[in-house]
Protein backbone atom coordinates (compact mmCIF):
# COMPACT_ATOMS: atom_id res chain seq x y z
CA MET A 1 0.00 0.00 0.00
CA ARG A 2 1.45 3.35 -0.98
CA GLY A 3 1.80 5.56 2.08
CA ARG A 4 2.77 2.72 4.43
CA GLU A 5 6.09 0.93 4.70
CA VAL A 6 6.88 -2.05 6.91
CA ILE A 7 10.48 -2.76 7.93
CA PRO A 8 10.97 -6.26 9.40
CA VAL A 9 13.31 -6.30 12.40
CA ASN A 10 14.90 -9.28 14.11
CA ARG A 11 13.73 -8.50 17.64
CA LYS A 12 10.88 -6.78 19.41
CA LEU A 13 11.48 -3.04 19.88
CA SER A 14 9.67 -0.73 22.25
CA LEU A 15 8.86 2.84 21.30
CA ASP A 16 11.46 3.98 23.87
CA GLU A 17 14.13 1.82 22.22
CA LEU A 18 13.20 3.05 18.75
CA GLU A 19 13.29 6.66 19.92
CA ARG A 20 16.74 6.21 21.53
CA PHE A 21 17.97 4.47 18.38
CA MET A 22 16.80 7.38 16.23
CA GLN A 23 18.16 9.99 18.67
CA GLU A 24 21.61 8.42 18.31
CA ARG A 25 21.63 7.92 14.53
CA TRP A 26 19.09 10.18 12.79
CA ASP A 27 20.62 12.77 10.41
CA ARG A 28 18.64 15.86 11.41
CA ALA A 29 20.34 18.07 8.86
CA GLU A 30 19.25 15.82 5.98
CA TYR A 31 15.96 14.36 7.23
CA GLY A 32 14.76 16.96 9.73
CA GLU A 33 13.81 16.87 13.38
CA PHE A 34 11.43 14.37 14.88
CA ARG A 35 9.61 14.21 18.17
CA ARG A 36 7.63 11.71 20.15
CA GLY A 37 3.97 12.37 20.78
CA LYS A 38 0.40 11.99 19.63
CA PRO A 39 -0.45 13.20 16.12
CA THR A 40 -3.81 14.57 17.33
CA PRO A 41 -5.37 14.98 20.77
CA ALA A 42 -7.74 12.11 19.96
CA SER A 43 -4.89 9.67 19.26
CA ILE A 44 -4.75 6.67 21.55
CA GLU A 45 -1.00 6.14 21.61
CA GLU A 46 2.28 7.94 21.00
CA TYR A 47 4.47 7.62 17.93
CA ILE A 48 7.65 9.09 16.51
CA LEU A 49 6.39 12.09 14.49
CA LEU A 50 8.08 13.42 11.36
CA PRO A 51 6.97 16.28 9.12
CA ALA A 52 5.45 15.55 5.72
CA THR A 53 3.11 18.22 4.34
CA GLU A 54 0.99 20.96 5.88
CA ARG A 55 -1.97 18.63 6.40
CA THR A 56 -0.09 15.38 7.02
CA MET A 57 2.71 13.91 9.05
CA VAL A 58 4.61 10.66 9.07
CA ILE A 59 4.41 8.41 12.10
CA VAL A 60 6.92 5.70 12.97
CA TYR A 61 6.21 2.97 15.50
CA PRO A 62 7.32 -0.58 16.35
CA ARG A 63 5.08 -3.62 16.53
CA GLY A 64 6.08 -6.94 18.00
CA GLY A 65 4.92 -10.37 17.05
CA GLY A 66 1.79 -11.61 18.73
CA ILE A 67 -1.81 -12.53 18.12
CA PHE A 68 -2.61 -9.48 16.00
CA SER A 69 0.84 -8.75 14.55
CA LYS A 70 2.96 -11.31 12.73
CA GLY A 71 6.68 -10.77 13.24
CA ASN A 72 8.61 -7.86 14.67
CA LYS A 73 8.57 -4.73 12.56
CA VAL A 74 8.83 -0.97 12.40
CA ILE A 75 5.97 0.72 10.56
CA VAL A 76 6.29 4.05 8.77
CA THR A 77 3.01 5.55 7.61
CA VAL A 78 1.19 8.79 6.88
CA CYS A 79 -1.54 10.34 9.01
CA ASP A 80 -3.31 13.66 9.45
CA SER A 81 -1.45 16.44 11.22
CA PRO A 82 -3.43 18.36 13.85
CA GLU A 83 -4.21 20.96 11.16
CA GLY A 84 -5.28 18.26 8.71
CA ALA A 85 -7.49 16.60 11.32
CA ALA A 86 -9.20 19.93 12.05
CA LEU A 87 -9.84 20.48 8.34
CA LEU A 88 -11.17 16.95 7.98
CA ALA A 89 -13.53 17.45 10.92
CA ALA A 90 -14.85 20.61 9.26
CA THR A 91 -15.76 18.61 6.15
CA ALA A 92 -17.89 16.24 8.22
CA ILE A 93 -20.36 18.98 9.14
CA PRO A 94 -23.62 18.32 7.27
CA VAL A 95 -24.62 21.25 5.08
CA LYS A 96 -27.49 22.00 2.70
CA ASN A 97 -25.63 24.64 0.69
CA VAL A 98 -24.54 23.02 -2.59
CA PHE A 99 -21.51 25.29 -2.99
CA PHE A 100 -20.19 24.45 0.47
CA LYS A 101 -20.82 20.75 -0.26
CA ILE A 102 -18.70 21.07 -3.44
CA GLY A 103 -15.94 22.66 -1.38
CA GLN A 104 -16.08 19.82 1.14
CA THR A 105 -15.83 17.23 -1.63
CA ALA A 106 -12.89 19.04 -3.23
CA HIS A 107 -11.07 19.08 0.11
CA VAL A 108 -11.52 15.32 0.54
CA ILE A 109 -10.28 14.64 -3.01
CA ASN A 110 -7.23 16.90 -2.47
CA ARG A 111 -6.54 15.17 0.84
CA SER A 112 -6.66 11.79 -0.86
CA LYS A 113 -4.21 12.96 -3.54
CA GLU A 114 -1.91 14.35 -0.86
CA PHE A 115 -1.95 11.07 1.09
CA ARG A 116 -1.12 9.08 -2.07
CA GLY A 117 1.27 11.68 -3.51
CA GLU A 118 3.57 14.02 -1.60
CA ALA A 119 3.00 12.45 1.81
CA ALA A 120 3.51 8.92 0.45
CA ASP A 121 6.79 10.08 -1.11
CA MET A 122 7.91 11.31 2.32
CA VAL A 123 6.98 7.94 3.85
CA GLU A 124 9.11 6.14 1.27
CA ALA A 125 12.09 8.47 1.81
CA TYR A 126 11.97 8.19 5.61
CA ALA A 127 11.47 4.42 5.48
CA ALA A 128 14.38 3.91 3.09
CA TYR A 129 16.68 5.94 5.35
CA LEU A 130 15.47 4.23 8.54
CA ARG A 131 15.91 0.83 6.86
CA THR A 132 19.58 1.65 6.16
CA LEU A 133 20.10 2.69 9.79
CA LEU A 134 18.47 -0.50 11.09
CA GLU A 135 20.49 -2.64 8.64
CA ALA A 136 23.75 -0.97 9.69
CA ALA A 137 22.92 -1.75 13.33
CA GLY A 138 22.13 -5.39 12.48
CA LEU A 139 18.48 -5.07 13.45
CA THR A 140 16.76 -6.00 10.19
CA GLY A 141 15.74 -9.46 9.44
């Protein structure tokens, strides 16, 4: 799926371990700053957050093998930024005005293009770089 990359790793990683790993190795000059947090106030858990576009961000998080997750992996994917989530919420308001409805539809179509276009390109770039860091540390597999 474009906009989501899965990097298999050879052991279970916690978010703390992944964050420390990235703090030690991440090239901030080339790939920018990251932080740990929730993408939106409604988010259930924390992730590593990286910038993508004005309305989107890239989240990075580990998943370990278990009932619902086969194998250990690091997932890099796109999600709404707080600004993007606010805009999306605004499009959910039911309206009777046809012109406003057209505007809402256009916003959703543009959002979809952004998720599959620019933001997905950022996911691929971040994932490729993170994959090289994990390989160099002997953690892929």
